[in-house]
Amino acid sequence: MRKDPGFSGLEAAVILIAFVVVAAVFAYVMMSTGFFATQRFQEVTYAGVKQSTSTVITDGLIRGSYSGTNGLVSLSFSLTVPETGEAVDLSKMIYYYVRNSGVGGEVPMSYVHPNSGLLSPGGNTRIMLDLNAASMTGPMAGGSFTLEIKPPAGASTLIQRTLPDAYSGGFIP
């Protein structure tokens, strides 16, 4: 009699079940990784949308008060949030002022009016920076300044202006 050392049906079934279990575990790991990556992508997308909609922009002209001995002593301008944006907390805004491309500094919130409240989408408010009271010297006529407005989230707004040689106060072109 001759013996055939081939697989029996039971051995083949055990091997098939082992392959199915390993494939199921591998598929579960791959799907979990995909769900995790999708969730992270969604969080990054929402964070990007929030930052892009939390921007403030200047609306209208910029006005300055001028003193012949101290130069520019105050600035006023309107800020607005686009209709599709998110409300911005004015108490968390940062105003960074630089005169004549020199060393600058942050304007303390006690010299910013208004320095609290919410700026709603579509709304605007007039901001006044009292540079003289904040001990920040403004440029004289013919000089320049830069003001960076940083909301708590989103992109900064940059205002760069050069005062006309005969500037004595009023709107700054």
C-alpha atoms as a PDB file:
ATOM      1  CA  MET A   1       0.000   0.000   0.000  1.00  0.00           C
ATOM      2  CA  ARG A   2       1.068   3.469  -0.843  1.00  0.00           C
ATOM      3  CA  LYS A   3       0.596   6.494   1.522  1.00  0.00           C
ATOM      4  CA  ASP A   4      -0.161   9.981   0.107  1.00  0.00           C
ATOM      5  CA  PRO A   5       1.423  12.709   2.288  1.00  0.00           C
ATOM      6  CA  GLY A   6      -0.917  15.451   0.924  1.00  0.00           C
ATOM      7  CA  PHE A   7      -3.091  17.856   2.883  1.00  0.00           C
ATOM      8  CA  SER A   8      -6.272  16.631   4.339  1.00  0.00           C
ATOM      9  CA  GLY A   9      -9.392  18.742   4.196  1.00  0.00           C
ATOM     10  CA  LEU A  10      -9.078  19.610   7.880  1.00  0.00           C
ATOM     11  CA  GLU A  11      -5.532  20.921   7.498  1.00  0.00           C
ATOM     12  CA  ALA A  12      -6.530  23.028   4.514  1.00  0.00           C
ATOM     13  CA  ALA A  13      -9.450  24.506   6.486  1.00  0.00           C
ATOM     14  CA  VAL A  14      -7.177  25.436   9.419  1.00  0.00           C
ATOM     15  CA  ILE A  15      -4.701  27.193   7.103  1.00  0.00           C
ATOM     16  CA  LEU A  16      -7.522  29.009   5.298  1.00  0.00           C
ATOM     17  CA  ILE A  17      -8.989  30.227   8.607  1.00  0.00           C
ATOM     18  CA  ALA A  18      -5.522  31.445   9.705  1.00  0.00           C
ATOM     19  CA  PHE A  19      -5.130  33.440   6.476  1.00  0.00           C
ATOM     20  CA  VAL A  20      -8.599  34.960   6.873  1.00  0.00           C
ATOM     21  CA  VAL A  21      -7.893  35.991  10.499  1.00  0.00           C
ATOM     22  CA  VAL A  22      -4.539  37.576   9.576  1.00  0.00           C
ATOM     23  CA  ALA A  23      -6.161  39.423   6.635  1.00  0.00           C
ATOM     24  CA  ALA A  24      -8.978  40.690   8.888  1.00  0.00           C
ATOM     25  CA  VAL A  25      -6.515  42.015  11.492  1.00  0.00           C
ATOM     26  CA  PHE A  26      -4.444  43.699   8.759  1.00  0.00           C
ATOM     27  CA  ALA A  27      -7.592  45.284   7.233  1.00  0.00           C
ATOM     28  CA  TYR A  28      -8.675  46.547  10.681  1.00  0.00           C
ATOM     29  CA  VAL A  29      -5.262  48.150  11.278  1.00  0.00           C
ATOM     30  CA  MET A  30      -5.304  49.804   7.850  1.00  0.00           C
ATOM     31  CA  MET A  31      -8.843  51.157   8.331  1.00  0.00           C
ATOM     32  CA  SER A  32      -8.005  52.492  11.808  1.00  0.00           C
ATOM     33  CA  THR A  33      -4.965  54.283  10.395  1.00  0.00           C
ATOM     34  CA  GLY A  34      -7.109  55.764   7.632  1.00  0.00           C
ATOM     35  CA  PHE A  35      -9.750  56.988  10.086  1.00  0.00           C
ATOM     36  CA  PHE A  36      -7.043  58.546  12.288  1.00  0.00           C
ATOM     37  CA  ALA A  37      -5.450  60.321   9.310  1.00  0.00           C
ATOM     38  CA  THR A  38      -8.855  61.569   8.141  1.00  0.00           C
ATOM     39  CA  GLN A  39      -9.628  62.950  11.596  1.00  0.00           C
ATOM     40  CA  ARG A  40      -6.288  64.800  11.727  1.00  0.00           C
ATOM     41  CA  PHE A  41      -6.873  66.194   8.233  1.00  0.00           C
ATOM     42  CA  GLN A  42     -10.297  67.436   9.325  1.00  0.00           C
ATOM     43  CA  GLU A  43      -8.834  69.151  12.433  1.00  0.00           C
ATOM     44  CA  VAL A  44      -6.149  70.878  10.331  1.00  0.00           C
ATOM     45  CA  THR A  45      -8.751  71.999   7.793  1.00  0.00           C
ATOM     46  CA  TYR A  46     -11.013  73.472  10.481  1.00  0.00           C
ATOM     47  CA  ALA A  47      -8.061  75.249  12.116  1.00  0.00           C
ATOM     48  CA  GLY A  48      -7.095  76.757   8.748  1.00  0.00           C
ATOM     49  CA  VAL A  49     -10.637  77.932   8.081  1.00  0.00           C
ATOM     50  CA  LYS A  50     -10.834  79.488  11.553  1.00  0.00           C
ATOM     51  CA  GLN A  51      -7.571  81.364  11.038  1.00  0.00           C
ATOM     52  CA  SER A  52      -8.531  82.642   7.616  1.00  0.00           C
ATOM     53  CA  THR A  53     -11.931  83.865   8.805  1.00  0.00           C
ATOM     54  CA  SER A  54     -10.594  85.564  11.948  1.00  0.00           C
ATOM     55  CA  THR A  55      -8.867  88.372  10.119  1.00  0.00           C
ATOM     56  CA  VAL A  56      -9.511  92.074  10.632  1.00  0.00           C
ATOM     57  CA  ILE A  57      -9.078  94.694   7.946  1.00  0.00           C
ATOM     58  CA  THR A  58      -8.882  98.460   7.975  1.00  0.00           C
ATOM     59  CA  ASP A  59     -11.975 100.155   6.654  1.00  0.00           C
ATOM     60  CA  GLY A  60     -11.654 103.694   5.402  1.00  0.00           C
ATOM     61  CA  LEU A  61      -9.041 106.356   5.955  1.00  0.00           C
ATOM     62  CA  ILE A  62      -6.427 106.691   8.660  1.00  0.00           C
ATOM     63  CA  ARG A  63      -6.425 109.902  10.662  1.00  0.00           C
ATOM     64  CA  GLY A  64      -3.649 111.324  12.799  1.00  0.00           C
ATOM     65  CA  SER A  65      -3.244 114.103  15.352  1.00  0.00           C
ATOM     66  CA  TYR A  66      -0.033 116.048  14.984  1.00  0.00           C
ATOM     67  CA  SER A  67       2.043 118.306  17.218  1.00  0.00           C
ATOM     68  CA  GLY A  68       4.831 120.485  15.828  1.00  0.00           C
ATOM     69  CA  THR A  69       7.105 119.507  18.723  1.00  0.00           C
ATOM     70  CA  ASN A  70       6.171 115.824  19.213  1.00  0.00           C
ATOM     71  CA  GLY A  71       5.213 114.761  15.683  1.00  0.00           C
ATOM     72  CA  LEU A  72       2.384 112.277  15.276  1.00  0.00           C
ATOM     73  CA  VAL A  73       0.704 111.959  18.694  1.00  0.00           C
ATOM     74  CA  SER A  74      -2.269 109.696  17.914  1.00  0.00           C
ATOM     75  CA  LEU A  75      -3.735 107.507  15.193  1.00  0.00           C
ATOM     76  CA  SER A  76      -7.324 106.564  14.540  1.00  0.00           C
ATOM     77  CA  PHE A  77      -8.697 104.097  12.018  1.00  0.00           C
ATOM     78  CA  SER A  78     -11.664 101.782  11.533  1.00  0.00           C
ATOM     79  CA  LEU A  79     -11.398  98.010  11.833  1.00  0.00           C
ATOM     80  CA  THR A  80     -13.895  95.555  10.439  1.00  0.00           C
ATOM     81  CA  VAL A  81     -14.361  91.803  10.227  1.00  0.00           C
ATOM     82  CA  PRO A  82     -15.599  90.452   6.863  1.00  0.00           C
ATOM     83  CA  GLU A  83     -19.188  89.148   6.730  1.00  0.00           C
ATOM     84  CA  THR A  84     -17.989  85.540   6.534  1.00  0.00           C
ATOM     85  CA  GLY A  85     -15.522  85.950   9.394  1.00  0.00           C
ATOM     86  CA  GLU A  86     -15.656  85.200  13.097  1.00  0.00           C
ATOM     87  CA  ALA A  87     -16.055  87.709  15.913  1.00  0.00           C
ATOM     88  CA  VAL A  88     -12.765  89.119  17.250  1.00  0.00           C
ATOM     89  CA  ASP A  89     -12.107  89.977  20.904  1.00  0.00           C
ATOM     90  CA  LEU A  90     -10.659  93.509  20.964  1.00  0.00           C
ATOM     91  CA  SER A  91      -9.020  92.942  24.359  1.00  0.00           C
ATOM     92  CA  LYS A  92      -6.752  90.307  22.793  1.00  0.00           C
ATOM     93  CA  MET A  93      -5.588  92.440  19.863  1.00  0.00           C
ATOM     94  CA  ILE A  94      -1.944  93.471  19.624  1.00  0.00           C
ATOM     95  CA  TYR A  95      -0.898  96.777  18.041  1.00  0.00           C
ATOM     96  CA  TYR A  96       2.814  96.896  17.192  1.00  0.00           C
ATOM     97  CA  TYR A  97       4.085 100.358  16.235  1.00  0.00           C
ATOM     98  CA  VAL A  98       7.404 101.210  14.534  1.00  0.00           C
ATOM     99  CA  ARG A  99       8.565 104.741  13.666  1.00  0.00           C
ATOM    100  CA  ASN A 100      10.879 105.508  10.702  1.00  0.00           C
ATOM    101  CA  SER A 101      11.905 101.851  10.228  1.00  0.00           C
ATOM    102  CA  GLY A 102      13.503 101.888  13.664  1.00  0.00           C
ATOM    103  CA  VAL A 103      12.901  99.928  16.812  1.00  0.00           C
ATOM    104  CA  GLY A 104       9.258  99.547  17.653  1.00  0.00           C
ATOM    105  CA  GLY A 105       7.094  98.303  20.428  1.00  0.00           C
ATOM    106  CA  GLU A 106       3.677  97.085  21.389  1.00  0.00           C
ATOM    107  CA  VAL A 107       1.175  99.817  22.221  1.00  0.00           C
ATOM    108  CA  PRO A 108      -0.117  99.070  25.758  1.00  0.00           C
ATOM    109  CA  MET A 109      -3.839  98.291  25.792  1.00  0.00           C
ATOM    110  CA  SER A 110      -4.477 101.097  28.301  1.00  0.00           C
ATOM    111  CA  TYR A 111      -3.658 103.564  25.468  1.00  0.00           C
ATOM    112  CA  VAL A 112      -5.953 101.874  22.927  1.00  0.00           C
ATOM    113  CA  HIS A 113      -9.590 102.976  22.795  1.00  0.00           C
ATOM    114  CA  PRO A 114     -11.772 100.897  22.780  1.00  0.00           C
ATOM    115  CA  ASN A 115      -9.698  98.145  24.326  1.00  0.00           C
ATOM    116  CA  SER A 116     -12.458  95.620  25.042  1.00  0.00           C
ATOM    117  CA  GLY A 117     -15.578  94.153  23.482  1.00  0.00           C
ATOM    118  CA  LEU A 118     -16.305  91.950  20.498  1.00  0.00           C
ATOM    119  CA  LEU A 119     -16.031  93.032  16.893  1.00  0.00           C
ATOM    120  CA  SER A 120     -18.762  91.086  15.087  1.00  0.00           C
ATOM    121  CA  PRO A 121     -18.675  90.019  11.432  1.00  0.00           C
ATOM    122  CA  GLY A 122     -19.862  92.863   9.229  1.00  0.00           C
ATOM    123  CA  GLY A 123     -19.480  95.393  12.035  1.00  0.00           C
ATOM    124  CA  ASN A 124     -16.763  97.976  12.416  1.00  0.00           C
ATOM    125  CA  THR A 125     -15.320 100.100  15.169  1.00  0.00           C
ATOM    126  CA  ARG A 126     -13.102 103.162  15.278  1.00  0.00           C
ATOM    127  CA  ILE A 127      -9.804 102.495  17.093  1.00  0.00           C
ATOM    128  CA  MET A 128      -7.691 105.292  18.565  1.00  0.00           C
ATOM    129  CA  LEU A 129      -4.067 104.790  19.616  1.00  0.00           C
ATOM    130  CA  ASP A 130      -2.725 107.479  21.960  1.00  0.00           C
ATOM    131  CA  LEU A 131       0.974 107.324  21.041  1.00  0.00           C
ATOM    132  CA  ASN A 132       1.965 110.398  23.059  1.00  0.00           C
ATOM    133  CA  ALA A 133       0.421 109.072  26.301  1.00  0.00           C
ATOM    134  CA  ALA A 134       2.085 105.684  25.652  1.00  0.00           C
ATOM    135  CA  SER A 135       5.481 107.487  25.454  1.00  0.00           C
ATOM    136  CA  MET A 136       5.902 106.459  21.822  1.00  0.00           C
ATOM    137  CA  THR A 137       7.251 109.211  19.648  1.00  0.00           C
ATOM    138  CA  GLY A 138       5.581 109.591  16.325  1.00  0.00           C
ATOM    139  CA  PRO A 139       7.337 110.617  13.119  1.00  0.00           C
ATOM    140  CA  MET A 140       7.676 114.266  12.193  1.00  0.00           C
ATOM    141  CA  ALA A 141       6.327 115.513   8.851  1.00  0.00           C
ATOM    142  CA  GLY A 142       8.100 113.627   6.060  1.00  0.00           C
ATOM    143  CA  GLY A 143       8.739 110.626   8.330  1.00  0.00           C
ATOM    144  CA  SER A 144       7.137 107.210   8.159  1.00  0.00           C
ATOM    145  CA  PHE A 145       5.581 104.654  10.472  1.00  0.00           C
ATOM    146  CA  THR A 146       4.388 101.064  10.384  1.00  0.00           C
ATOM    147  CA  LEU A 147       1.535  99.645  12.445  1.00  0.00           C
ATOM    148  CA  GLU A 148       0.925  95.897  12.616  1.00  0.00           C
ATOM    149  CA  ILE A 149      -2.476  94.834  13.910  1.00  0.00           C
ATOM    150  CA  LYS A 150      -2.508  91.241  15.193  1.00  0.00           C
ATOM    151  CA  PRO A 151      -5.833  89.580  16.045  1.00  0.00           C
ATOM    152  CA  PRO A 152      -5.837  86.653  18.512  1.00  0.00           C
ATOM    153  CA  ALA A 153      -6.160  84.234  15.569  1.00  0.00           C
ATOM    154  CA  GLY A 154      -5.675  84.824  11.889  1.00  0.00           C
ATOM    155  CA  ALA A 155      -3.489  87.002   9.726  1.00  0.00           C
ATOM    156  CA  SER A 156      -2.020  90.354  10.719  1.00  0.00           C
ATOM    157  CA  THR A 157      -2.949  93.608   9.030  1.00  0.00           C
ATOM    158  CA  LEU A 158      -0.056  95.928   8.167  1.00  0.00           C
ATOM    159  CA  ILE A 159      -0.379  99.700   7.791  1.00  0.00           C
ATOM    160  CA  GLN A 160       2.641 101.540   6.373  1.00  0.00           C
ATOM    161  CA  ARG A 161       2.454 105.273   5.766  1.00  0.00           C
ATOM    162  CA  THR A 162       4.760 108.215   5.086  1.00  0.00           C
ATOM    163  CA  LEU A 163       3.586 111.587   6.308  1.00  0.00           C
ATOM    164  CA  PRO A 164       3.643 114.354   3.695  1.00  0.00           C
ATOM    165  CA  ASP A 165       6.333 117.006   4.175  1.00  0.00           C
ATOM    166  CA  ALA A 166       3.721 119.638   5.058  1.00  0.00           C
ATOM    167  CA  TYR A 167       1.615 117.352   7.281  1.00  0.00           C
ATOM    168  CA  SER A 168      -0.080 119.129  10.171  1.00  0.00           C
ATOM    169  CA  GLY A 169      -2.743 116.594  11.165  1.00  0.00           C
ATOM    170  CA  GLY A 170      -5.828 115.019   9.644  1.00  0.00           C
ATOM    171  CA  PHE A 171      -6.090 112.218   7.103  1.00  0.00           C
ATOM    172  CA  ILE A 172      -2.889 110.355   6.254  1.00  0.00           C
ATOM    173  CA  PRO A 173      -2.693 109.448   2.568  1.00  0.00           C
END
